[in-house]
Amino acid sequence: MNENQFPIAPTASSAGGAVKSASQERRKEPAQHMQQSHTKPAKLTKFSMAGNASYPGPAVQGYKLSGTRYMKTIFCILIAAVDLAAKADPETALYFTSSSHSWVGQGLTLFATPTNGFTFNVTYTFDVLRFLCMGSNVSSRWEVDFNAGFGAGLTVGEYPDAVREGGNTTNPGLSFYGEGRGDNTLSGSFNVLDFTLGTNDTVLSFAADFVQYDEGNTSAWNMGSVRYNSIVPIPEPAFVKFVGLCCCVGAYRRSLTKRPAMPNRGSST
């Protein structure tokens, strides 16, 4: 029989060596996997930019933070801000801002609370919630009315295609007016974020955001928020601007990472 007809069986020592090598490889695999999956803490990276045909400006040096690390930092800040707002005490307030073309708002911005001399009265009768805010003088009086429409009771949720409250029973009703100025017709929407009733339909807490267009004219807008003994925070302009700024900076950082690397000055192409 030709010895080349069958493979030669490995000896005990060689087989043991093969098994040992395989077991060693298997033990190495988890370690290598752990090493690859381990994420090193991000740190500041030094960068330099020299002037060339693509970048004619002066040479600059500095430090940058990775885009992932940067966005994680922004995310943590936003989560902390939301968490602090969620733990805030119950608030009663009226906030609104308006276009200069609005007959009702006339370009005014108001943030009324009990601490700056305003009193509030909230009632819920015949499926209509009336939010009344009164200042120290008689003329400083603002009211916002909400109605779910369709003969239904008001609940938490979004209400698009709103019309003047009391003028239509099929659409949601909304009416924001004050200082003797109101709309005959309007369009808009509102979002009820918190609504709790006690005995005899006593309002225990309420929160809603609204947008109203005088006479249906989108350039004559009024937008605001009402809160009554509610922990739902008002989206104040400062926080909105902060979020917008973070988004803009994050987009700018991502655009920088997509730019091709620029050769140093004097290097050949």
Protein backbone atom coordinates (compact mmCIF):
# COMPACT_ATOMS: atom_id res chain seq x y z
CA MET A 1 0.00 0.00 0.00
CA ASN A 2 1.29 3.36 -0.91
CA GLU A 3 1.72 5.48 2.17
CA ASN A 4 0.42 8.48 0.27
CA GLN A 5 -3.03 6.90 -0.05
CA PHE A 6 -4.07 7.81 3.47
CA PRO A 7 -3.10 10.76 5.63
CA ILE A 8 -0.76 9.99 8.44
CA ALA A 9 -2.53 10.19 11.79
CA PRO A 10 -1.02 12.77 14.12
CA THR A 11 0.93 11.55 17.06
CA ALA A 12 -0.30 12.07 20.60
CA SER A 13 2.14 14.85 21.16
CA SER A 14 1.28 16.62 17.95
CA ALA A 15 -2.46 16.16 18.55
CA GLY A 16 -2.14 17.53 22.02
CA GLY A 17 -0.21 20.45 20.63
CA ALA A 18 -2.97 21.09 18.11
CA VAL A 19 -5.65 20.94 20.78
CA LYS A 20 -3.62 23.17 23.01
CA SER A 21 -3.09 25.69 20.24
CA ALA A 22 -6.82 25.70 19.45
CA SER A 23 -7.70 26.19 23.11
CA GLN A 24 -5.18 28.98 23.39
CA GLU A 25 -6.71 30.66 20.34
CA ARG A 26 -10.17 30.35 21.89
CA ARG A 27 -8.91 31.94 25.09
CA LYS A 28 -7.35 34.76 23.12
CA GLU A 29 -10.51 35.54 21.17
CA PRO A 30 -12.54 36.92 24.14
CA ALA A 31 -9.59 39.02 25.23
CA GLN A 32 -9.17 40.42 21.74
CA HIS A 33 -12.92 41.03 21.49
CA MET A 34 -12.92 42.83 24.82
CA GLN A 35 -9.95 44.89 23.75
CA GLN A 36 -11.65 45.86 20.50
CA SER A 37 -15.00 46.62 22.13
CA HIS A 38 -13.47 48.69 24.92
CA THR A 39 -13.94 52.37 24.23
CA LYS A 40 -11.20 54.60 25.48
CA PRO A 41 -12.24 57.82 27.15
CA ALA A 42 -12.37 60.64 24.65
CA LYS A 43 -9.88 63.42 25.14
CA LEU A 44 -8.84 66.64 23.50
CA THR A 45 -6.90 66.14 20.29
CA LYS A 46 -4.37 68.65 19.06
CA PHE A 47 -4.78 69.76 15.46
CA SER A 48 -2.95 72.11 13.13
CA MET A 49 -3.93 73.72 9.86
CA ALA A 50 -1.39 75.20 7.51
CA GLY A 51 -2.17 77.61 4.71
CA ASN A 52 -2.28 76.20 1.18
CA ALA A 53 -4.25 76.56 -2.03
CA SER A 54 -7.38 75.10 -0.41
CA TYR A 55 -6.97 77.12 2.77
CA PRO A 56 -5.17 80.42 2.07
CA GLY A 57 -5.44 81.62 5.66
CA PRO A 58 -2.67 81.65 8.28
CA ALA A 59 -1.50 78.50 9.99
CA VAL A 60 -3.48 77.74 13.16
CA GLN A 61 -3.26 75.26 15.98
CA GLY A 62 -5.72 74.27 18.64
CA TYR A 63 -7.58 71.46 20.35
CA LYS A 64 -10.81 69.79 19.33
CA LEU A 65 -13.24 67.40 20.97
CA SER A 66 -14.53 64.42 19.06
CA GLY A 67 -18.01 64.86 17.56
CA THR A 68 -19.42 61.86 19.44
CA ARG A 69 -18.09 63.13 22.75
CA TYR A 70 -19.38 66.61 22.00
CA MET A 71 -22.90 65.45 21.20
CA LYS A 72 -22.95 63.22 24.30
CA THR A 73 -22.05 66.25 26.40
CA ILE A 74 -24.90 68.27 24.88
CA PHE A 75 -27.30 65.37 25.39
CA CYS A 76 -26.35 65.08 29.07
CA ILE A 77 -26.86 68.81 29.57
CA LEU A 78 -30.30 68.67 27.97
CA ILE A 79 -31.32 65.63 30.04
CA ALA A 80 -30.18 67.39 33.22
CA ALA A 81 -32.16 70.50 32.29
CA VAL A 82 -35.30 68.48 31.59
CA ASP A 83 -34.84 66.54 34.82
CA LEU A 84 -34.55 69.74 36.84
CA ALA A 85 -37.63 71.14 35.14
CA ALA A 86 -39.59 67.95 35.85
CA LYS A 87 -38.76 68.23 39.54
CA ALA A 88 -39.91 71.84 39.72
CA ASP A 89 -42.71 72.93 42.01
CA PRO A 90 -46.22 73.34 40.58
CA GLU A 91 -46.50 76.58 38.64
CA THR A 92 -49.30 78.97 37.79
CA ALA A 93 -48.53 81.38 34.97
CA LEU A 94 -49.47 82.83 31.61
CA TYR A 95 -46.81 83.33 28.97
CA PHE A 96 -47.39 84.64 25.47
CA THR A 97 -45.61 86.41 22.68
CA SER A 98 -47.15 87.90 19.56
CA SER A 99 -46.59 89.39 16.15
CA SER A 100 -46.71 93.13 15.64
CA HIS A 101 -49.43 92.42 13.05
CA SER A 102 -51.67 90.80 15.66
CA TRP A 103 -54.72 92.76 16.76
CA VAL A 104 -54.90 90.90 20.06
CA GLY A 105 -51.24 90.67 21.05
CA GLN A 106 -49.96 93.76 19.19
CA GLY A 107 -46.36 92.54 19.45
CA LEU A 108 -46.47 92.17 23.24
CA THR A 109 -44.63 89.53 25.23
CA LEU A 110 -45.88 88.80 28.75
CA PHE A 111 -44.88 86.39 31.47
CA ALA A 112 -47.48 86.74 34.22
CA THR A 113 -47.19 84.94 37.55
CA PRO A 114 -48.54 85.49 41.08
CA THR A 115 -45.13 86.84 42.09
CA ASN A 116 -45.40 89.84 39.75
CA GLY A 117 -48.88 90.92 40.79
CA PHE A 118 -51.22 88.73 38.72
CA THR A 119 -54.12 86.64 40.00
CA PHE A 120 -55.62 83.62 38.26
CA ASN A 121 -58.98 81.93 38.07
CA VAL A 122 -59.58 78.67 36.18
CA THR A 123 -63.02 77.09 35.69
CA TYR A 124 -64.41 74.19 33.68
CA THR A 125 -68.10 74.36 32.85
CA PHE A 126 -70.06 72.95 29.90
CA ASP A 127 -66.88 71.35 28.50
CA VAL A 128 -65.17 74.76 28.24
CA LEU A 129 -62.05 75.56 30.25
CA ARG A 130 -61.61 79.26 30.95
CA PHE A 131 -58.20 80.49 32.07
CA LEU A 132 -58.40 84.04 33.43
CA CYS A 133 -55.34 86.15 34.28
CA MET A 134 -55.83 89.56 35.92
CA GLY A 135 -53.25 92.22 36.64
CA SER A 136 -53.24 94.99 39.22
CA ASN A 137 -55.28 97.31 36.99
CA VAL A 138 -58.58 96.57 35.28
CA SER A 139 -57.22 96.88 31.74
CA SER A 140 -54.55 94.24 32.34
CA ARG A 141 -56.83 91.26 31.89
CA TRP A 142 -56.16 88.25 29.66
CA GLU A 143 -58.22 85.14 29.05
CA VAL A 144 -57.73 81.90 27.12
CA ASP A 145 -60.65 79.53 26.50
CA PHE A 146 -60.35 75.92 25.37
CA ASN A 147 -63.01 73.56 24.06
CA ALA A 148 -62.53 70.07 22.61
CA GLY A 149 -65.38 70.46 20.13
CA PHE A 150 -67.63 67.70 18.81
CA GLY A 151 -69.56 67.90 22.08
CA ALA A 152 -66.73 66.05 23.83
CA GLY A 153 -65.02 66.80 27.12
CA LEU A 154 -61.55 68.27 27.18
CA THR A 155 -58.71 65.76 27.73
CA VAL A 156 -54.94 65.65 27.38
CA GLY A 157 -53.94 65.68 23.71
CA GLU A 158 -53.42 67.79 20.60
CA TYR A 159 -56.24 69.80 19.04
CA PRO A 160 -55.52 71.04 15.50
CA ASP A 161 -57.80 73.09 13.24
CA ALA A 162 -59.17 75.15 16.11
CA VAL A 163 -61.66 77.97 15.52
CA ARG A 164 -63.07 80.66 17.80
CA GLU A 165 -64.52 79.08 20.91
CA GLY A 166 -68.30 79.28 20.88
CA GLY A 167 -68.51 79.82 17.13
CA ASN A 168 -68.38 76.21 15.97
CA THR A 169 -69.30 72.98 17.76
CA THR A 170 -67.58 70.58 15.32
CA ASN A 171 -64.03 71.92 15.57
CA PRO A 172 -61.94 72.43 18.70
CA GLY A 173 -62.52 75.86 20.19
CA LEU A 174 -59.82 78.36 21.13
CA SER A 175 -60.02 82.00 22.11
CA PHE A 176 -57.16 84.18 23.36
CA TYR A 177 -58.08 87.79 24.07
CA GLY A 178 -57.30 90.60 26.48
CA GLU A 179 -57.19 94.33 27.19
CA GLY A 180 -60.47 94.74 25.33
CA ARG A 181 -59.22 93.15 22.10
CA GLY A 182 -60.55 89.91 20.61
CA ASP A 183 -61.14 88.18 17.30
CA ASN A 184 -64.40 87.65 15.45
CA THR A 185 -62.84 84.73 13.59
CA LEU A 186 -59.56 82.92 14.07
CA SER A 187 -57.63 79.76 13.35
CA GLY A 188 -55.03 77.91 15.36
CA SER A 189 -54.30 74.88 17.49
CA PHE A 190 -53.53 73.91 21.07
CA ASN A 191 -52.02 71.05 22.99
CA VAL A 192 -53.32 70.07 26.44
CA LEU A 193 -50.40 68.68 28.44
CA ASP A 194 -51.96 68.32 31.89
CA PHE A 195 -55.58 68.31 33.02
CA THR A 196 -56.82 67.09 36.40
CA LEU A 197 -60.34 67.57 37.75
CA GLY A 198 -61.56 67.19 41.31
CA THR A 199 -65.07 66.99 42.72
CA ASN A 200 -67.74 69.10 41.01
CA ASP A 201 -65.37 69.64 38.05
CA THR A 202 -62.99 71.73 40.12
CA VAL A 203 -59.77 72.23 38.17
CA LEU A 204 -56.84 70.89 40.19
CA SER A 205 -54.16 71.31 37.52
CA PHE A 206 -53.99 72.37 33.90
CA ALA A 207 -51.32 73.00 31.28
CA ALA A 208 -51.67 73.85 27.60
CA ASP A 209 -49.72 75.49 24.78
CA PHE A 210 -51.54 77.34 22.01
CA VAL A 211 -51.11 79.18 18.71
CA GLN A 212 -53.76 81.59 17.47
CA TYR A 213 -53.95 83.47 14.15
CA ASP A 214 -56.16 86.56 14.19
CA GLU A 215 -58.85 86.33 11.50
CA GLY A 216 -56.97 83.31 10.10
CA ASN A 217 -54.01 85.51 9.06
CA THR A 218 -50.77 83.58 9.70
CA SER A 219 -48.74 86.78 9.94
CA ALA A 220 -50.95 87.93 12.86
CA TRP A 221 -49.93 85.17 15.24
CA ASN A 222 -50.09 84.78 19.00
CA MET A 223 -48.44 81.86 20.76
CA GLY A 224 -48.31 81.09 24.43
CA SER A 225 -48.64 78.73 27.36
CA VAL A 226 -50.97 78.55 30.33
CA ARG A 227 -50.18 76.72 33.56
CA TYR A 228 -52.33 76.24 36.62
CA ASN A 229 -50.85 74.38 39.57
CA SER A 230 -48.95 72.23 37.06
CA ILE A 231 -45.42 70.79 37.10
CA VAL A 232 -45.22 70.90 33.29
CA PRO A 233 -42.58 73.56 32.58
CA ILE A 234 -43.18 76.46 30.23
CA PRO A 235 -40.85 76.34 27.21
CA GLU A 236 -39.18 79.66 27.93
CA PRO A 237 -37.41 81.42 25.03
CA ALA A 238 -33.97 81.18 26.69
CA PHE A 239 -34.12 77.40 26.84
CA VAL A 240 -35.45 77.15 23.28
CA LYS A 241 -32.59 79.34 22.04
CA PHE A 242 -30.08 77.20 23.97
CA VAL A 243 -31.37 74.01 22.35
CA GLY A 244 -31.26 75.65 18.92
CA LEU A 245 -27.71 76.85 19.50
CA CYS A 246 -26.59 73.35 20.54
CA CYS A 247 -28.13 71.86 17.40
CA CYS A 248 -26.41 74.45 15.19
CA VAL A 249 -23.01 73.90 16.82
CA GLY A 250 -23.42 70.13 16.57
CA ALA A 251 -24.25 70.36 12.86
CA TYR A 252 -21.23 72.60 12.31
CA ARG A 253 -18.96 70.14 14.12
CA ARG A 254 -20.23 67.26 12.00
CA SER A 255 -19.61 69.25 8.82
CA LEU A 256 -15.98 69.77 9.87
CA THR A 257 -15.39 66.04 10.20
CA LYS A 258 -16.58 65.49 6.62
CA ARG A 259 -14.07 67.93 5.10
CA PRO A 260 -11.07 66.30 3.33
CA ALA A 261 -7.69 66.59 4.99
CA MET A 262 -5.71 69.57 3.69
CA PRO A 263 -2.02 69.11 2.80
CA ASN A 264 0.59 71.09 4.68
CA ARG A 265 2.10 74.16 3.12
CA GLY A 266 4.82 73.33 0.67
CA SER A 267 3.85 69.67 0.27
CA SER A 268 3.60 68.25 -3.21
CA THR A 269 0.27 67.15 -4.61
